[in-house]
Protein backbone atom coordinates (compact mmCIF):
# COMPACT_ATOMS: atom_id res chain seq x y z
CA UNK A 1 -51.00 137.68 -120.49
CA UNK A 2 -52.37 135.52 -117.66
CA UNK A 3 -51.93 132.43 -119.79
CA UNK A 4 -48.34 133.45 -120.46
CA UNK A 5 -47.56 133.67 -116.73
CA UNK A 6 -49.27 130.35 -116.12
CA UNK A 7 -47.05 128.75 -118.74
CA UNK A 8 -44.00 130.26 -117.09
CA UNK A 9 -45.16 128.81 -113.78
CA UNK A 10 -45.43 125.34 -115.27
CA UNK A 11 -41.96 125.65 -116.80
CA UNK A 12 -40.56 126.55 -113.39
CA UNK A 13 -41.86 123.31 -111.92
CA UNK A 14 -40.51 121.36 -114.89
CA UNK A 15 -37.05 122.91 -114.38
CA UNK A 16 -37.18 122.11 -110.66
CA UNK A 17 -38.10 118.51 -111.44
CA UNK A 18 -35.25 118.21 -113.95
CA UNK A 19 -32.83 119.67 -111.42
CA UNK A 20 -33.94 117.23 -108.72
CA UNK A 21 -33.67 114.25 -111.08
CA UNK A 22 -30.20 115.33 -112.22
CA UNK A 23 -29.07 115.76 -108.63
CA UNK A 24 -30.41 112.34 -107.70
CA UNK A 25 -28.70 110.80 -110.73
CA UNK A 26 -25.36 112.26 -109.60
CA UNK A 27 -25.71 111.56 -105.87
CA UNK A 28 -27.34 108.13 -105.75
CA UNK A 29 -24.22 106.22 -106.92
CA UNK A 30 -22.21 107.91 -104.15
CA UNK A 31 -24.85 106.98 -101.59
CA UNK A 32 -24.87 103.38 -102.84
CA UNK A 33 -21.07 103.19 -102.50
CA UNK A 34 -21.30 104.59 -98.96
CA UNK A 35 -23.93 101.96 -98.09
CA UNK A 36 -21.77 99.17 -99.55
CA UNK A 37 -18.85 100.26 -97.38
CA UNK A 38 -20.89 99.28 -94.30
CA UNK A 39 -22.10 95.95 -95.71
CA UNK A 40 -21.07 92.71 -94.03
CA UNK A 41 -20.65 90.77 -97.29
CA UNK A 42 -17.12 90.39 -98.63
CA UNK A 43 -18.55 91.16 -102.09
CA UNK A 44 -20.14 94.36 -103.32
CA UNK A 45 -23.77 93.34 -102.82
CA UNK A 46 -26.68 95.78 -102.56
CA UNK A 47 -28.62 95.90 -100.36
CA UNK A 48 -26.10 94.69 -97.75
CA UNK A 49 -27.23 91.63 -95.76
CA UNK A 50 -26.15 93.36 -92.52
CA UNK A 51 -24.04 96.27 -91.33
CA UNK A 52 -20.45 96.36 -90.07
CA UNK A 53 -17.39 98.59 -89.70
CA UNK A 54 -15.03 95.77 -90.64
CA UNK A 55 -13.94 97.28 -93.96
CA UNK A 56 -13.03 100.62 -92.40
CA UNK A 57 -10.96 98.74 -89.81
CA UNK A 58 -9.18 96.88 -92.62
CA UNK A 59 -8.54 100.14 -94.44
CA UNK A 60 -6.85 101.76 -91.44
CA UNK A 61 -5.00 98.54 -90.60
CA UNK A 62 -3.45 98.20 -94.07
CA UNK A 63 -0.27 100.30 -94.35
CA UNK A 64 -0.55 100.33 -98.15
CA UNK A 65 -3.82 102.28 -98.01
CA UNK A 66 -2.48 104.70 -95.41
CA UNK A 67 0.73 105.23 -97.36
CA UNK A 68 -1.24 105.97 -100.52
CA UNK A 69 -3.41 108.49 -98.65
CA UNK A 70 -0.30 110.13 -97.15
CA UNK A 71 1.34 110.37 -100.59
CA UNK A 72 -1.81 111.98 -102.00
CA UNK A 73 -1.87 114.50 -99.16
CA UNK A 74 1.80 115.39 -99.53
CA UNK A 75 1.57 115.84 -103.29
CA UNK A 76 -1.64 117.90 -102.98
CA UNK A 77 0.00 120.22 -100.43
CA UNK A 78 3.06 120.74 -102.63
CA UNK A 79 0.90 121.34 -105.69
CA UNK A 80 -1.19 123.87 -103.75
CA UNK A 81 1.90 125.76 -102.60
CA UNK A 82 3.44 126.00 -106.06
CA UNK A 83 0.13 126.61 -107.82
CA UNK A 84 -0.81 129.58 -105.65
CA UNK A 85 2.72 131.05 -105.80
CA UNK A 86 3.10 130.74 -109.57
CA UNK A 87 -0.54 131.69 -110.13
CA UNK A 88 -0.11 134.87 -108.09
CA UNK A 89 2.92 135.99 -110.12
CA UNK A 90 1.25 135.10 -113.41
CA UNK A 91 -1.97 136.88 -112.42
CA UNK A 92 -0.12 140.11 -111.61
CA UNK A 93 1.52 139.94 -115.03
CA UNK A 94 -1.72 139.19 -116.85
CA UNK A 95 -3.82 141.83 -115.05
CA UNK A 96 -1.34 144.68 -114.71
CA UNK A 97 1.13 143.91 -117.46
CA UNK A 98 1.00 145.84 -120.71
CA UNK A 99 2.83 143.77 -123.30
CA UNK A 100 2.12 142.14 -126.61
CA UNK A 101 0.67 138.67 -126.52
CA UNK A 102 -0.85 139.06 -123.05
CA UNK A 103 -4.18 137.52 -124.10
CA UNK A 104 -2.41 134.73 -125.95
CA UNK A 105 -0.35 133.99 -122.84
CA UNK A 106 -3.49 133.87 -120.72
CA UNK A 107 -5.07 131.44 -123.20
CA UNK A 108 -1.93 129.30 -123.04
CA UNK A 109 -2.13 129.14 -119.24
CA UNK A 110 -5.77 128.02 -119.46
CA UNK A 111 -5.19 125.41 -122.18
CA UNK A 112 -4.99 122.43 -119.73
CA UNK A 113 -8.62 123.11 -118.75
CA UNK A 114 -9.87 122.30 -122.27
CA UNK A 115 -7.24 119.76 -123.32
CA UNK A 116 -8.32 116.12 -122.76
CA UNK A 117 -6.56 114.86 -119.65
CA UNK A 118 -5.56 111.57 -121.26
CA UNK A 119 -3.76 113.43 -124.06
CA UNK A 120 -1.89 115.51 -121.50
CA UNK A 121 -1.11 112.38 -119.47
CA UNK A 122 0.38 110.53 -122.46
CA UNK A 123 2.49 113.55 -123.42
CA UNK A 124 3.82 114.03 -119.88
CA UNK A 125 4.44 110.31 -119.51
CA UNK A 126 6.56 110.21 -122.67
CA UNK A 127 8.49 113.31 -121.61
CA UNK A 128 9.06 112.16 -118.03
CA UNK A 129 10.36 108.80 -119.23
CA UNK A 130 13.08 110.63 -121.14
CA UNK A 131 14.12 112.87 -118.24
CA UNK A 132 13.72 110.22 -115.51
CA UNK A 133 10.86 111.85 -113.58
CA UNK A 134 8.26 109.12 -114.05
CA UNK A 135 7.34 107.43 -110.77
CA UNK A 136 8.78 110.24 -108.62
CA UNK A 137 7.20 112.80 -106.32
CA UNK A 138 8.66 115.57 -108.49
CA UNK A 139 6.95 114.11 -111.55
CA UNK A 140 3.64 113.85 -109.70
CA UNK A 141 3.86 117.46 -108.53
CA UNK A 142 4.74 118.82 -111.97
CA UNK A 143 1.99 116.81 -113.67
CA UNK A 144 -0.66 117.86 -111.16
CA UNK A 145 0.61 121.44 -111.23
CA UNK A 146 -0.10 121.63 -114.96
CA UNK A 147 -3.82 120.94 -114.41
CA UNK A 148 -4.12 122.88 -111.13
CA UNK A 149 -2.44 126.11 -112.26
CA UNK A 150 -5.32 127.30 -114.51
CA UNK A 151 -7.70 127.25 -111.53
CA UNK A 152 -5.30 129.38 -109.51
CA UNK A 153 -4.83 131.87 -112.32
CA UNK A 154 -8.58 132.21 -112.86
CA UNK A 155 -9.35 132.72 -109.17
CA UNK A 156 -6.53 135.16 -108.48
CA UNK A 157 -7.01 137.06 -111.76
CA UNK A 158 -10.69 137.63 -110.99
CA UNK A 159 -9.80 138.85 -107.49
CA UNK A 160 -7.15 141.24 -108.83
CA UNK A 161 -9.48 142.64 -111.47
CA UNK A 162 -12.03 143.41 -108.75
CA UNK A 163 -9.45 145.14 -106.55
CA UNK A 164 -9.18 148.93 -106.69
CA UNK A 165 -5.52 149.58 -107.48
CA UNK A 166 -5.83 153.21 -106.32
CA UNK A 167 -5.80 151.91 -102.72
CA UNK A 168 -2.40 150.34 -103.33
CA UNK A 169 -1.20 153.55 -105.03
CA UNK A 170 -2.37 155.55 -102.02
CA UNK A 171 -0.28 153.34 -99.73
CA UNK A 172 2.76 154.02 -101.92
CA UNK A 173 2.10 157.77 -101.78
CA UNK A 174 1.96 157.50 -97.98
CA UNK A 175 5.51 156.13 -97.88
CA UNK A 176 5.21 152.40 -98.39
CA UNK A 177 7.38 150.70 -100.97
CA UNK A 178 5.60 149.03 -103.93
CA UNK A 179 6.42 145.58 -102.54
CA UNK A 180 5.26 146.52 -99.05
CA UNK A 181 2.01 147.93 -100.45
CA UNK A 182 1.34 144.70 -102.31
CA UNK A 183 2.06 142.57 -99.24
CA UNK A 184 0.16 144.65 -96.70
CA UNK A 185 -2.67 146.02 -98.85
CA UNK A 186 -3.23 144.00 -102.01
CA UNK A 187 -2.69 140.45 -100.79
CA UNK A 188 -5.10 140.74 -97.80
CA UNK A 189 -7.69 142.33 -100.11
CA UNK A 190 -7.54 139.44 -102.57
CA UNK A 191 -7.38 136.83 -99.81
CA UNK A 192 -10.61 135.23 -101.00
CA UNK A 193 -9.06 134.69 -104.43
CA UNK A 194 -5.91 133.19 -102.95
CA UNK A 195 -7.95 130.90 -100.74
CA UNK A 196 -10.11 129.77 -103.66
CA UNK A 197 -6.97 129.08 -105.68
CA UNK A 198 -5.55 126.98 -102.84
CA UNK A 199 -8.73 124.95 -102.39
CA UNK A 200 -9.20 124.24 -106.09
CA UNK A 201 -5.52 123.36 -106.52
CA UNK A 202 -5.61 120.97 -103.57
CA UNK A 203 -8.78 119.22 -104.72
CA UNK A 204 -7.55 119.00 -108.31
CA UNK A 205 -4.45 117.15 -107.15
CA UNK A 206 -6.19 115.14 -104.43
CA UNK A 207 -8.81 113.63 -106.78
CA UNK A 208 -6.70 113.35 -109.94
CA UNK A 209 -6.58 109.79 -111.25
CA UNK A 210 -5.78 109.84 -114.99
CA UNK A 211 -2.47 111.67 -114.69
CA UNK A 212 -1.66 109.77 -111.51
CA UNK A 213 -2.08 106.40 -113.25
CA UNK A 214 0.55 107.37 -115.83
CA UNK A 215 2.88 108.88 -113.22
CA UNK A 216 2.60 106.08 -110.65
CA UNK A 217 5.09 103.30 -110.00
CA UNK A 218 4.82 100.08 -107.96
CA UNK A 219 6.38 101.89 -105.00
CA UNK A 220 4.67 105.27 -105.35
CA UNK A 221 0.88 105.46 -105.68
CA UNK A 222 -1.71 108.04 -104.71
CA UNK A 223 -4.99 107.06 -103.11
CA UNK A 224 -7.04 107.27 -106.37
CA UNK A 225 -4.43 105.08 -108.10
CA UNK A 226 -4.54 102.61 -105.23
CA UNK A 227 -8.34 102.43 -105.53
CA UNK A 228 -8.07 101.91 -109.30
CA UNK A 229 -5.45 99.18 -108.92
CA UNK A 230 -7.38 97.23 -106.28
CA UNK A 231 -10.60 97.68 -108.26
CA UNK A 232 -9.04 95.86 -111.22
CA UNK A 233 -7.74 93.02 -109.05
CA UNK A 234 -10.37 92.39 -106.38
CA UNK A 235 -13.84 93.82 -105.71
CA UNK A 236 -13.37 94.04 -101.96
CA UNK A 237 -15.64 96.39 -99.95
CA UNK A 238 -12.48 98.09 -98.70
CA UNK A 239 -12.60 99.96 -102.01
CA UNK A 240 -16.02 101.32 -101.05
CA UNK A 241 -14.65 102.38 -97.67
CA UNK A 242 -11.70 104.16 -99.27
CA UNK A 243 -13.98 105.87 -101.80
CA UNK A 244 -16.37 106.97 -99.06
CA UNK A 245 -13.54 108.41 -96.98
CA UNK A 246 -12.22 110.20 -100.07
CA UNK A 247 -15.62 111.76 -100.74
CA UNK A 248 -16.14 112.70 -97.07
CA UNK A 249 -12.75 114.40 -96.90
CA UNK A 250 -13.51 116.35 -100.08
CA UNK A 251 -16.94 117.42 -98.77
CA UNK A 252 -15.46 118.46 -95.41
CA UNK A 253 -12.81 120.52 -97.19
CA UNK A 254 -15.39 122.25 -99.37
CA UNK A 255 -17.60 123.04 -96.36
CA UNK A 256 -14.57 124.45 -94.55
CA UNK A 257 -13.71 126.49 -97.63
CA UNK A 258 -17.24 127.92 -97.79
CA UNK A 259 -17.10 128.90 -94.11
CA UNK A 260 -13.68 130.52 -94.48
CA UNK A 261 -14.71 132.38 -97.64
CA UNK A 262 -17.79 133.67 -95.82
CA UNK A 263 -15.57 134.86 -92.98
CA UNK A 264 -13.15 136.56 -95.38
CA UNK A 265 -15.93 138.39 -97.20
CA UNK A 266 -17.54 139.57 -93.96
């Protein structure tokens, strides 16, 4: 028995070592990119010969980079709004509805999570070319909404399933209308699910590059598409600066989300 516990102890250290190595493997490239963004060389050379903020200054001085970042932010906000709204309605139907094909409908909603993104991108590209939505904000929003909606449905559905519906029924018995009970009782109670849906929807749209490449036009590009385009043309350290800012914004948003979720739960 003692030998068995000793073996378990060794396995614990092995698992910790594997976890640390995996984490380092995932984080080191990001740290290298961040270091390159401060390098003084006009080429991506590591280690940098010296340090400078020149490439960040060029990023903020170039209107094309700022426009791409603004387009990404606008599209992500629109996708978040529609994703949470549609996801909320769909989640109520999936959790409280009693109709045939409910499980099949739920599986259909979640299909974009398992479908290869490039297959979805090609299909949407061909369809949008026919209807004239390619290279438009509407096309971007619809395309990103397809991949963001499953995250909203999962988050809100889990929150609804954990909510005690008898509390809402009690509010109705006390004189509130069904709609008023949902607005004043149910929605605040599943606020953590709604917030998670909003965060995941925003980040899904903000970081999406495969769909965005197919939806983009010369006059309408998101920040990931702008990075991809410049990366193919010129290996300037401005790309490293843009990537670092993209990662920092994502990390800041996730930290804010964790703090807000902690406040909602408490």
